[in-house]
N, C-alpha and C. Protein backbone atom coordinates (compact mmCIF):
# COMPACT_ATOMS: atom_id res chain seq x y z
N MET A 1 51.10 -13.90 2.64
CA MET A 1 51.71 -15.16 2.98
C MET A 1 51.09 -15.65 4.28
N ASP A 2 50.82 -16.92 4.35
CA ASP A 2 50.21 -17.52 5.53
C ASP A 2 51.19 -17.48 6.70
N PRO A 3 50.82 -16.83 7.81
CA PRO A 3 51.73 -16.76 8.96
C PRO A 3 52.14 -18.13 9.48
N GLN A 4 51.32 -19.15 9.26
CA GLN A 4 51.67 -20.49 9.71
C GLN A 4 52.92 -21.00 8.99
N LEU A 5 53.16 -20.52 7.78
CA LEU A 5 54.34 -20.96 7.04
C LEU A 5 55.63 -20.39 7.60
N ILE A 6 55.54 -19.26 8.29
CA ILE A 6 56.77 -18.60 8.72
C ILE A 6 56.98 -18.64 10.22
N ALA A 7 55.98 -19.01 10.98
CA ALA A 7 56.14 -19.04 12.43
C ALA A 7 56.45 -20.45 12.89
N SER A 8 57.29 -20.58 13.88
CA SER A 8 57.59 -21.88 14.45
C SER A 8 56.41 -22.32 15.31
N PRO A 9 55.94 -23.55 15.11
CA PRO A 9 54.81 -24.01 15.92
C PRO A 9 55.14 -23.97 17.41
N GLY A 10 54.27 -23.35 18.18
CA GLY A 10 54.45 -23.30 19.62
C GLY A 10 55.55 -22.38 20.11
N ALA A 11 56.17 -21.64 19.23
CA ALA A 11 57.27 -20.76 19.64
C ALA A 11 56.73 -19.58 20.42
N THR A 12 57.44 -19.18 21.47
CA THR A 12 57.03 -18.02 22.25
C THR A 12 57.84 -16.80 21.88
N SER A 13 58.98 -16.99 21.24
CA SER A 13 59.78 -15.87 20.78
C SER A 13 60.40 -16.27 19.44
N PRO A 14 60.72 -15.28 18.61
CA PRO A 14 61.26 -15.61 17.29
C PRO A 14 62.60 -16.34 17.39
N ARG A 15 62.80 -17.21 16.43
CA ARG A 15 64.07 -17.93 16.34
C ARG A 15 65.19 -16.98 15.92
N TRP A 16 64.82 -15.96 15.19
CA TRP A 16 65.80 -15.02 14.65
C TRP A 16 65.53 -13.61 15.19
N PRO A 17 65.76 -13.37 16.47
CA PRO A 17 65.48 -12.04 17.03
C PRO A 17 66.35 -10.97 16.37
N GLY A 18 65.76 -9.80 16.20
CA GLY A 18 66.50 -8.68 15.61
C GLY A 18 66.58 -8.74 14.10
N GLN A 19 65.96 -9.75 13.48
CA GLN A 19 65.98 -9.85 12.03
C GLN A 19 64.61 -9.49 11.47
N LEU A 20 64.63 -8.85 10.31
CA LEU A 20 63.43 -8.50 9.59
C LEU A 20 63.57 -8.98 8.16
N ALA A 21 62.44 -9.31 7.54
CA ALA A 21 62.46 -9.80 6.16
C ALA A 21 61.43 -9.04 5.34
N ALA A 22 61.76 -8.79 4.08
CA ALA A 22 60.86 -8.14 3.13
C ALA A 22 60.78 -9.00 1.88
N ILE A 23 59.55 -9.19 1.40
CA ILE A 23 59.32 -9.94 0.16
C ILE A 23 58.71 -8.98 -0.85
N ASP A 24 59.32 -8.91 -2.02
CA ASP A 24 58.82 -8.09 -3.12
C ASP A 24 58.26 -9.05 -4.17
N VAL A 25 56.95 -9.04 -4.34
CA VAL A 25 56.28 -9.88 -5.33
C VAL A 25 56.17 -9.05 -6.59
N GLY A 26 57.18 -9.14 -7.43
CA GLY A 26 57.25 -8.32 -8.62
C GLY A 26 56.64 -8.96 -9.85
N SER A 27 56.52 -8.19 -10.90
CA SER A 27 55.94 -8.68 -12.15
C SER A 27 56.85 -9.66 -12.86
N ASN A 28 58.16 -9.50 -12.70
CA ASN A 28 59.11 -10.39 -13.34
C ASN A 28 59.80 -11.29 -12.32
N SER A 29 60.24 -10.71 -11.20
CA SER A 29 60.98 -11.46 -10.19
C SER A 29 60.38 -11.28 -8.82
N PHE A 30 60.58 -12.28 -7.98
CA PHE A 30 60.25 -12.18 -6.56
C PHE A 30 61.58 -12.07 -5.82
N ARG A 31 61.61 -11.23 -4.81
CA ARG A 31 62.84 -11.04 -4.03
C ARG A 31 62.54 -11.18 -2.55
N LEU A 32 63.51 -11.74 -1.85
CA LEU A 32 63.44 -11.84 -0.39
C LEU A 32 64.73 -11.24 0.14
N GLU A 33 64.59 -10.27 1.02
CA GLU A 33 65.76 -9.66 1.65
C GLU A 33 65.59 -9.76 3.16
N ILE A 34 66.65 -10.23 3.81
CA ILE A 34 66.64 -10.37 5.26
C ILE A 34 67.75 -9.49 5.82
N ALA A 35 67.42 -8.75 6.88
CA ALA A 35 68.39 -7.85 7.50
C ALA A 35 68.41 -8.06 9.01
N GLN A 36 69.57 -7.84 9.57
CA GLN A 36 69.74 -7.81 11.02
C GLN A 36 69.66 -6.35 11.42
N VAL A 37 68.85 -6.07 12.43
CA VAL A 37 68.70 -4.70 12.92
C VAL A 37 69.34 -4.62 14.30
N HIS A 38 70.29 -3.69 14.41
CA HIS A 38 70.96 -3.48 15.69
C HIS A 38 71.14 -1.99 15.90
N GLU A 39 70.54 -1.48 16.97
CA GLU A 39 70.62 -0.07 17.31
C GLU A 39 70.22 0.82 16.14
N GLY A 40 69.15 0.43 15.45
CA GLY A 40 68.61 1.22 14.36
C GLY A 40 69.36 1.11 13.04
N VAL A 41 70.36 0.25 12.98
CA VAL A 41 71.14 0.07 11.75
C VAL A 41 70.78 -1.28 11.13
N TYR A 42 70.44 -1.27 9.84
CA TYR A 42 70.09 -2.48 9.12
C TYR A 42 71.33 -2.99 8.38
N ARG A 43 71.59 -4.30 8.52
CA ARG A 43 72.69 -4.93 7.79
C ARG A 43 72.14 -6.14 7.06
N ARG A 44 72.24 -6.13 5.72
CA ARG A 44 71.72 -7.24 4.93
C ARG A 44 72.50 -8.50 5.26
N ILE A 45 71.74 -9.58 5.54
CA ILE A 45 72.41 -10.85 5.81
C ILE A 45 72.03 -11.94 4.81
N ASP A 46 70.95 -11.71 4.04
CA ASP A 46 70.58 -12.69 3.02
C ASP A 46 69.74 -12.00 1.96
N TYR A 47 69.87 -12.48 0.73
CA TYR A 47 69.11 -11.94 -0.39
C TYR A 47 68.86 -13.07 -1.38
N LEU A 48 67.60 -13.30 -1.68
CA LEU A 48 67.23 -14.31 -2.66
C LEU A 48 66.39 -13.65 -3.75
N LYS A 49 66.60 -14.07 -4.99
CA LYS A 49 65.83 -13.54 -6.10
C LYS A 49 65.52 -14.69 -7.05
N GLU A 50 64.26 -14.76 -7.46
CA GLU A 50 63.85 -15.78 -8.43
C GLU A 50 63.04 -15.12 -9.53
N THR A 51 63.33 -15.50 -10.76
CA THR A 51 62.56 -15.02 -11.89
C THR A 51 61.29 -15.86 -11.98
N VAL A 52 60.14 -15.21 -11.86
CA VAL A 52 58.86 -15.91 -11.85
C VAL A 52 58.03 -15.56 -13.08
N ARG A 53 58.23 -14.38 -13.62
CA ARG A 53 57.51 -13.89 -14.80
C ARG A 53 56.00 -13.90 -14.60
N LEU A 54 55.58 -13.35 -13.48
CA LEU A 54 54.16 -13.26 -13.17
C LEU A 54 53.43 -12.41 -14.20
N GLY A 55 54.06 -11.33 -14.63
CA GLY A 55 53.44 -10.43 -15.61
C GLY A 55 53.13 -11.10 -16.93
N ALA A 56 53.95 -12.08 -17.31
CA ALA A 56 53.71 -12.81 -18.56
C ALA A 56 52.54 -13.77 -18.42
N GLY A 57 52.04 -13.94 -17.19
CA GLY A 57 50.96 -14.87 -16.95
C GLY A 57 49.58 -14.26 -16.93
N LEU A 58 49.45 -13.02 -17.38
CA LEU A 58 48.11 -12.42 -17.48
C LEU A 58 47.50 -12.78 -18.82
N ASP A 59 46.27 -13.28 -18.79
CA ASP A 59 45.60 -13.62 -20.05
C ASP A 59 44.97 -12.36 -20.65
N PRO A 60 44.38 -12.45 -21.84
CA PRO A 60 43.79 -11.26 -22.48
C PRO A 60 42.69 -10.59 -21.66
N ASP A 61 42.06 -11.34 -20.74
CA ASP A 61 41.01 -10.76 -19.90
C ASP A 61 41.57 -10.15 -18.62
N GLY A 62 42.90 -10.13 -18.47
CA GLY A 62 43.51 -9.55 -17.29
C GLY A 62 43.49 -10.46 -16.07
N ARG A 63 43.35 -11.75 -16.31
CA ARG A 63 43.37 -12.72 -15.22
C ARG A 63 44.71 -13.44 -15.19
N LEU A 64 45.18 -13.71 -14.00
CA LEU A 64 46.42 -14.46 -13.82
C LEU A 64 46.15 -15.92 -14.13
N THR A 65 46.96 -16.51 -14.99
CA THR A 65 46.75 -17.91 -15.35
C THR A 65 47.14 -18.82 -14.18
N GLU A 66 46.59 -20.01 -14.18
CA GLU A 66 46.90 -20.99 -13.13
C GLU A 66 48.40 -21.31 -13.13
N GLU A 67 48.99 -21.43 -14.30
CA GLU A 67 50.42 -21.73 -14.40
C GLU A 67 51.26 -20.64 -13.74
N ALA A 68 50.94 -19.38 -14.02
CA ALA A 68 51.68 -18.27 -13.42
C ALA A 68 51.48 -18.25 -11.91
N ALA A 69 50.25 -18.47 -11.47
CA ALA A 69 49.97 -18.50 -10.03
C ALA A 69 50.78 -19.61 -9.36
N GLN A 70 50.87 -20.76 -9.98
CA GLN A 70 51.63 -21.87 -9.40
C GLN A 70 53.12 -21.56 -9.33
N ARG A 71 53.66 -20.87 -10.34
CA ARG A 71 55.07 -20.45 -10.30
C ARG A 71 55.31 -19.53 -9.11
N GLY A 72 54.39 -18.58 -8.92
CA GLY A 72 54.51 -17.65 -7.81
C GLY A 72 54.40 -18.34 -6.47
N LEU A 73 53.43 -19.23 -6.33
CA LEU A 73 53.25 -19.95 -5.07
C LEU A 73 54.43 -20.85 -4.75
N ALA A 74 55.01 -21.47 -5.78
CA ALA A 74 56.18 -22.33 -5.56
C ALA A 74 57.36 -21.51 -5.05
N CYS A 75 57.54 -20.33 -5.61
CA CYS A 75 58.61 -19.45 -5.16
C CYS A 75 58.37 -19.02 -3.72
N LEU A 76 57.14 -18.63 -3.40
CA LEU A 76 56.83 -18.21 -2.03
C LEU A 76 57.02 -19.36 -1.04
N ALA A 77 56.76 -20.58 -1.46
CA ALA A 77 56.99 -21.73 -0.59
C ALA A 77 58.49 -21.89 -0.30
N ARG A 78 59.33 -21.65 -1.30
CA ARG A 78 60.79 -21.72 -1.07
C ARG A 78 61.23 -20.59 -0.13
N PHE A 79 60.67 -19.40 -0.32
CA PHE A 79 60.98 -18.30 0.60
C PHE A 79 60.54 -18.66 2.02
N ALA A 80 59.38 -19.29 2.15
CA ALA A 80 58.87 -19.66 3.47
C ALA A 80 59.82 -20.63 4.17
N GLN A 81 60.46 -21.51 3.41
CA GLN A 81 61.45 -22.41 4.01
C GLN A 81 62.59 -21.61 4.62
N ARG A 82 63.05 -20.60 3.91
CA ARG A 82 64.13 -19.77 4.43
C ARG A 82 63.69 -18.96 5.65
N LEU A 83 62.41 -18.64 5.71
CA LEU A 83 61.88 -17.82 6.79
C LEU A 83 61.38 -18.64 7.99
N ARG A 84 61.58 -19.93 7.95
CA ARG A 84 61.13 -20.77 9.06
C ARG A 84 61.73 -20.28 10.37
N GLY A 85 60.89 -20.07 11.34
CA GLY A 85 61.33 -19.56 12.63
C GLY A 85 61.11 -18.07 12.80
N PHE A 86 60.79 -17.37 11.73
CA PHE A 86 60.46 -15.95 11.84
C PHE A 86 59.02 -15.83 12.33
N ASP A 87 58.75 -14.88 13.19
CA ASP A 87 57.39 -14.57 13.57
C ASP A 87 56.77 -13.68 12.49
N GLY A 88 55.45 -13.70 12.41
CA GLY A 88 54.75 -12.91 11.39
C GLY A 88 55.08 -11.43 11.42
N HIS A 89 55.31 -10.87 12.62
CA HIS A 89 55.60 -9.44 12.70
C HIS A 89 56.99 -9.09 12.16
N GLN A 90 57.81 -10.08 11.88
CA GLN A 90 59.15 -9.84 11.35
C GLN A 90 59.19 -9.81 9.82
N VAL A 91 58.08 -10.13 9.18
CA VAL A 91 58.05 -10.29 7.72
C VAL A 91 56.99 -9.38 7.12
N ARG A 92 57.35 -8.71 6.03
CA ARG A 92 56.41 -7.90 5.27
C ARG A 92 56.53 -8.28 3.80
N ALA A 93 55.40 -8.23 3.10
CA ALA A 93 55.40 -8.53 1.67
C ALA A 93 54.62 -7.44 0.95
N VAL A 94 55.09 -7.10 -0.23
CA VAL A 94 54.39 -6.14 -1.09
C VAL A 94 54.27 -6.74 -2.48
N ALA A 95 53.14 -6.48 -3.12
CA ALA A 95 52.91 -6.94 -4.48
C ALA A 95 52.97 -5.74 -5.41
N THR A 96 53.63 -5.92 -6.54
CA THR A 96 53.73 -4.83 -7.50
C THR A 96 52.63 -4.95 -8.56
N GLN A 97 52.76 -4.25 -9.61
CA GLN A 97 51.74 -3.99 -10.61
C GLN A 97 50.90 -5.20 -11.05
N THR A 98 51.51 -6.27 -11.47
CA THR A 98 50.75 -7.38 -12.05
C THR A 98 49.72 -7.94 -11.08
N LEU A 99 50.13 -8.22 -9.87
CA LEU A 99 49.19 -8.81 -8.91
C LEU A 99 48.11 -7.82 -8.50
N ARG A 100 48.46 -6.56 -8.41
CA ARG A 100 47.45 -5.55 -8.06
C ARG A 100 46.40 -5.42 -9.15
N GLU A 101 46.79 -5.60 -10.41
CA GLU A 101 45.86 -5.42 -11.52
C GLU A 101 45.13 -6.68 -11.95
N ALA A 102 45.61 -7.84 -11.55
CA ALA A 102 44.97 -9.09 -11.95
C ALA A 102 43.52 -9.11 -11.48
N ARG A 103 42.61 -9.39 -12.40
CA ARG A 103 41.19 -9.38 -12.07
C ARG A 103 40.82 -10.49 -11.08
N ASN A 104 41.61 -11.52 -11.00
CA ASN A 104 41.34 -12.62 -10.08
C ASN A 104 42.38 -12.66 -8.94
N ARG A 105 42.87 -11.52 -8.54
CA ARG A 105 43.93 -11.45 -7.55
C ARG A 105 43.54 -12.04 -6.19
N GLU A 106 42.27 -11.99 -5.83
CA GLU A 106 41.86 -12.55 -4.54
C GLU A 106 42.02 -14.06 -4.52
N ARG A 107 41.87 -14.68 -5.65
CA ARG A 107 41.99 -16.13 -5.76
C ARG A 107 43.40 -16.57 -6.06
N ALA A 108 44.18 -15.71 -6.68
CA ALA A 108 45.53 -16.08 -7.12
C ALA A 108 46.48 -16.21 -5.96
């Protein structure tokens, strides 16, 4: 995810101090979980899940279709809206099987 989408322009400190976010780019669903961390204890404060069906978007050659890529990017754009004000170091994303195996994953 582009750090420009999640960082506040010109911000010197995060808008949401003590919060961390994780994005799971799954084959069927994308998930965003946000937690408040205090004294080493994580408390979930937000959870978003969208069915994207990225895995259904692989063509016979193992390439992610443009339609599937657009569904994924649209979801990530909505997640980025929720993450506005987070600094890049507060957010981590992981991609699961479909994106790792897509032959055109660098472009997708």
